């Protein structure tokens, strides 16, 4: 069974690019534009890794990550434009497994997703390479 990755990202173009790229690499991908949609989408759906933007309309990604941790969290990767050291440290101290600063290369996101899955011992699709950047 392949890993399911859930994305919470309010930027539609970026969200679509991430969904397409991870899907092309064998993952099942769910996507939401905000925290409320993410909660509804993943309510009855087990996920392996959550990729969360921090600044979204309504509830932010930090509080969504807290909720995921209370639920017995999957792997969590923050992908945010907030790239200051304090932002990265807060995200990681909160319980995230990784933190990417936008703009990022889709290959790097894929590598980080696979890294989190290895640590969680969840199944990942076979290795493949492709050029893509955001």
C-alpha atoms as a PDB file:
ATOM      1  CA  UNK A   1       0.000   0.000   0.000  1.00  0.00           C
ATOM      2  CA  UNK A   2       1.425   3.365  -0.973  1.00  0.00           C
ATOM      3  CA  UNK A   3       1.735   6.307   1.381  1.00  0.00           C
ATOM      4  CA  UNK A   4      -0.908   9.034   1.450  1.00  0.00           C
ATOM      5  CA  UNK A   5       0.368  12.602   1.623  1.00  0.00           C
ATOM      6  CA  UNK A   6      -1.985  15.430   2.644  1.00  0.00           C
ATOM      7  CA  UNK A   7      -1.206  19.014   1.650  1.00  0.00           C
ATOM      8  CA  UNK A   8      -2.590  22.197   3.255  1.00  0.00           C
ATOM      9  CA  UNK A   9      -1.596  25.123   1.016  1.00  0.00           C
ATOM     10  CA  UNK A  10      -3.600  28.257   0.204  1.00  0.00           C
ATOM     11  CA  UNK A  11      -1.649  29.113  -2.973  1.00  0.00           C
ATOM     12  CA  UNK A  12      -3.569  27.188  -5.662  1.00  0.00           C
ATOM     13  CA  UNK A  13      -0.740  27.049  -8.229  1.00  0.00           C
ATOM     14  CA  UNK A  14       1.735  25.717  -5.698  1.00  0.00           C
ATOM     15  CA  UNK A  15      -0.796  23.265  -4.258  1.00  0.00           C
ATOM     16  CA  UNK A  16      -1.590  21.919  -7.742  1.00  0.00           C
ATOM     17  CA  UNK A  17       2.110  21.595  -8.623  1.00  0.00           C
ATOM     18  CA  UNK A  18       2.850  19.671  -5.413  1.00  0.00           C
ATOM     19  CA  UNK A  19      -0.136  17.365  -5.916  1.00  0.00           C
ATOM     20  CA  UNK A  20       0.846  16.632  -9.511  1.00  0.00           C
ATOM     21  CA  UNK A  21       4.523  16.069  -8.705  1.00  0.00           C
ATOM     22  CA  UNK A  22       3.979  13.777  -5.720  1.00  0.00           C
ATOM     23  CA  UNK A  23       1.266  11.871  -7.618  1.00  0.00           C
ATOM     24  CA  UNK A  24       3.668  11.333 -10.529  1.00  0.00           C
ATOM     25  CA  UNK A  25       6.060   9.775  -8.042  1.00  0.00           C
ATOM     26  CA  UNK A  26       3.544   7.200  -6.866  1.00  0.00           C
ATOM     27  CA  UNK A  27       1.987   8.824  -3.828  1.00  0.00           C
ATOM     28  CA  UNK A  28      -1.697   9.185  -3.146  1.00  0.00           C
ATOM     29  CA  UNK A  29      -2.153  12.914  -2.501  1.00  0.00           C
ATOM     30  CA  UNK A  30      -4.986  14.792  -0.791  1.00  0.00           C
ATOM     31  CA  UNK A  31      -5.036  18.583  -0.911  1.00  0.00           C
ATOM     32  CA  UNK A  32      -6.798  21.373   0.934  1.00  0.00           C
ATOM     33  CA  UNK A  33      -6.686  25.164   0.701  1.00  0.00           C
ATOM     34  CA  UNK A  34      -6.976  25.779   4.451  1.00  0.00           C
ATOM     35  CA  UNK A  35      -6.981  24.065   7.835  1.00  0.00           C
ATOM     36  CA  UNK A  36     -10.761  23.562   7.965  1.00  0.00           C
ATOM     37  CA  UNK A  37     -10.752  21.825   4.575  1.00  0.00           C
ATOM     38  CA  UNK A  38      -7.721  19.774   5.625  1.00  0.00           C
ATOM     39  CA  UNK A  39      -9.478  18.561   8.775  1.00  0.00           C
ATOM     40  CA  UNK A  40     -12.600  17.598   6.816  1.00  0.00           C
ATOM     41  CA  UNK A  41     -10.557  15.854   4.121  1.00  0.00           C
ATOM     42  CA  UNK A  42      -8.448  13.820   6.525  1.00  0.00           C
ATOM     43  CA  UNK A  43     -11.093  13.153   9.186  1.00  0.00           C
ATOM     44  CA  UNK A  44     -11.652   9.542   8.136  1.00  0.00           C
ATOM     45  CA  UNK A  45      -8.576   9.184   5.968  1.00  0.00           C
ATOM     46  CA  UNK A  46      -5.312   7.852   7.406  1.00  0.00           C
ATOM     47  CA  UNK A  47      -2.353   9.845   6.113  1.00  0.00           C
ATOM     48  CA  UNK A  48       1.376   9.183   6.283  1.00  0.00           C
ATOM     49  CA  UNK A  49       2.745  12.718   5.939  1.00  0.00           C
ATOM     50  CA  UNK A  50       1.166  16.173   6.200  1.00  0.00           C
ATOM     51  CA  UNK A  51       2.787  19.049   4.294  1.00  0.00           C
ATOM     52  CA  UNK A  52       1.529  22.259   5.893  1.00  0.00           C
ATOM     53  CA  UNK A  53       1.787  25.906   4.957  1.00  0.00           C
ATOM     54  CA  UNK A  54       1.961  28.076   8.059  1.00  0.00           C
ATOM     55  CA  UNK A  55       0.210  31.234   6.834  1.00  0.00           C
ATOM     56  CA  UNK A  56      -3.243  30.300   5.598  1.00  0.00           C
ATOM     57  CA  UNK A  57      -6.583  32.082   5.874  1.00  0.00           C
ATOM     58  CA  UNK A  58      -8.318  31.241   9.138  1.00  0.00           C
ATOM     59  CA  UNK A  59      -6.477  28.736  11.291  1.00  0.00           C
ATOM     60  CA  UNK A  60      -2.726  28.675  10.694  1.00  0.00           C
ATOM     61  CA  UNK A  61      -0.535  25.669  10.017  1.00  0.00           C
ATOM     62  CA  UNK A  62       0.992  25.706  13.500  1.00  0.00           C
ATOM     63  CA  UNK A  63      -2.358  25.102  15.193  1.00  0.00           C
ATOM     64  CA  UNK A  64      -3.232  22.505  12.545  1.00  0.00           C
ATOM     65  CA  UNK A  65       0.027  20.716  13.395  1.00  0.00           C
ATOM     66  CA  UNK A  66      -0.867  20.807  17.114  1.00  0.00           C
ATOM     67  CA  UNK A  67      -4.208  19.182  16.255  1.00  0.00           C
ATOM     68  CA  UNK A  68      -2.460  16.519  14.159  1.00  0.00           C
ATOM     69  CA  UNK A  69      -0.083  15.784  17.031  1.00  0.00           C
ATOM     70  CA  UNK A  70      -3.046  15.359  19.389  1.00  0.00           C
ATOM     71  CA  UNK A  71      -4.545  12.887  16.898  1.00  0.00           C
ATOM     72  CA  UNK A  72      -1.406  10.733  16.888  1.00  0.00           C
ATOM     73  CA  UNK A  73       0.234  12.706  14.099  1.00  0.00           C
ATOM     74  CA  UNK A  74       1.607  11.463  10.880  1.00  0.00           C
ATOM     75  CA  UNK A  75       4.915  12.904   9.763  1.00  0.00           C
ATOM     76  CA  UNK A  76       4.681  16.688   9.511  1.00  0.00           C
ATOM     77  CA  UNK A  77       6.610  18.917   7.128  1.00  0.00           C
ATOM     78  CA  UNK A  78       6.123  22.668   7.222  1.00  0.00           C
ATOM     79  CA  UNK A  79       6.509  24.401   3.847  1.00  0.00           C
ATOM     80  CA  UNK A  80       6.400  28.123   4.480  1.00  0.00           C
ATOM     81  CA  UNK A  81       7.618  31.509   3.312  1.00  0.00           C
ATOM     82  CA  UNK A  82       8.493  32.190   6.969  1.00  0.00           C
ATOM     83  CA  UNK A  83      12.174  31.342   6.717  1.00  0.00           C
ATOM     84  CA  UNK A  84      13.717  33.099   9.700  1.00  0.00           C
ATOM     85  CA  UNK A  85      15.629  30.881  12.098  1.00  0.00           C
ATOM     86  CA  UNK A  86      13.056  31.455  14.852  1.00  0.00           C
ATOM     87  CA  UNK A  87      10.225  30.325  12.538  1.00  0.00           C
ATOM     88  CA  UNK A  88      12.054  27.117  11.629  1.00  0.00           C
ATOM     89  CA  UNK A  89      12.958  26.421  15.259  1.00  0.00           C
ATOM     90  CA  UNK A  90       9.375  27.004  16.447  1.00  0.00           C
ATOM     91  CA  UNK A  91       8.046  24.645  13.770  1.00  0.00           C
ATOM     92  CA  UNK A  92      10.505  21.905  14.615  1.00  0.00           C
ATOM     93  CA  UNK A  93      10.106  22.343  18.384  1.00  0.00           C
ATOM     94  CA  UNK A  94       6.338  22.125  17.930  1.00  0.00           C
ATOM     95  CA  UNK A  95       6.842  18.617  16.588  1.00  0.00           C
ATOM     96  CA  UNK A  96       7.369  18.898  12.834  1.00  0.00           C
ATOM     97  CA  UNK A  97       9.728  16.394  11.265  1.00  0.00           C
ATOM     98  CA  UNK A  98      11.058  18.889   8.738  1.00  0.00           C
ATOM     99  CA  UNK A  99      10.742  22.493   7.551  1.00  0.00           C
ATOM    100  CA  UNK A 100      11.069  23.767   3.972  1.00  0.00           C
ATOM    101  CA  UNK A 101      11.322  27.449   3.109  1.00  0.00           C
ATOM    102  CA  UNK A 102       9.506  28.726   0.009  1.00  0.00           C
ATOM    103  CA  UNK A 103      10.352  28.856  -2.757  1.00  0.00           C
ATOM    104  CA  UNK A 104      11.564  25.275  -2.774  1.00  0.00           C
ATOM    105  CA  UNK A 105      12.364  22.705  -5.417  1.00  0.00           C
ATOM    106  CA  UNK A 106       9.845  19.898  -5.789  1.00  0.00           C
ATOM    107  CA  UNK A 107      12.693  17.370  -5.837  1.00  0.00           C
ATOM    108  CA  UNK A 108      13.706  18.570  -2.379  1.00  0.00           C
ATOM    109  CA  UNK A 109      10.138  18.207  -1.103  1.00  0.00           C
ATOM    110  CA  UNK A 110      10.019  14.676  -2.525  1.00  0.00           C
ATOM    111  CA  UNK A 111      13.325  13.805  -0.840  1.00  0.00           C
ATOM    112  CA  UNK A 112      12.107  15.172   2.486  1.00  0.00           C
ATOM    113  CA  UNK A 113       8.792  13.301   2.235  1.00  0.00           C
ATOM    114  CA  UNK A 114      10.705  10.093   1.553  1.00  0.00           C
ATOM    115  CA  UNK A 115      13.033  10.820   4.473  1.00  0.00           C
ATOM    116  CA  UNK A 116      10.104  11.264   6.861  1.00  0.00           C
ATOM    117  CA  UNK A 117       8.524   8.058   5.546  1.00  0.00           C
ATOM    118  CA  UNK A 118      11.759   6.150   6.150  1.00  0.00           C
ATOM    119  CA  UNK A 119      11.787   7.367   9.736  1.00  0.00           C
ATOM    120  CA  UNK A 120       8.146   6.366  10.124  1.00  0.00           C
ATOM    121  CA  UNK A 121       8.755   3.087   8.269  1.00  0.00           C
ATOM    122  CA  UNK A 122       5.821   3.750   5.942  1.00  0.00           C
ATOM    123  CA  UNK A 123       5.829   2.416   2.382  1.00  0.00           C
ATOM    124  CA  UNK A 124       7.119   4.809  -0.267  1.00  0.00           C
ATOM    125  CA  UNK A 125       6.957   4.407  -4.032  1.00  0.00           C
ATOM    126  CA  UNK A 126      10.132   3.311  -5.823  1.00  0.00           C
ATOM    127  CA  UNK A 127      12.858   5.875  -6.454  1.00  0.00           C
ATOM    128  CA  UNK A 128      12.457   8.084  -9.528  1.00  0.00           C
ATOM    129  CA  UNK A 129      14.073  11.328 -10.599  1.00  0.00           C
ATOM    130  CA  UNK A 130      12.720  14.295 -12.490  1.00  0.00           C
ATOM    131  CA  UNK A 131      13.513  17.957 -12.823  1.00  0.00           C
ATOM    132  CA  UNK A 132      10.996  20.320 -11.293  1.00  0.00           C
ATOM    133  CA  UNK A 133      11.188  23.545  -9.368  1.00  0.00           C
ATOM    134  CA  UNK A 134       8.745  26.009  -7.920  1.00  0.00           C
END
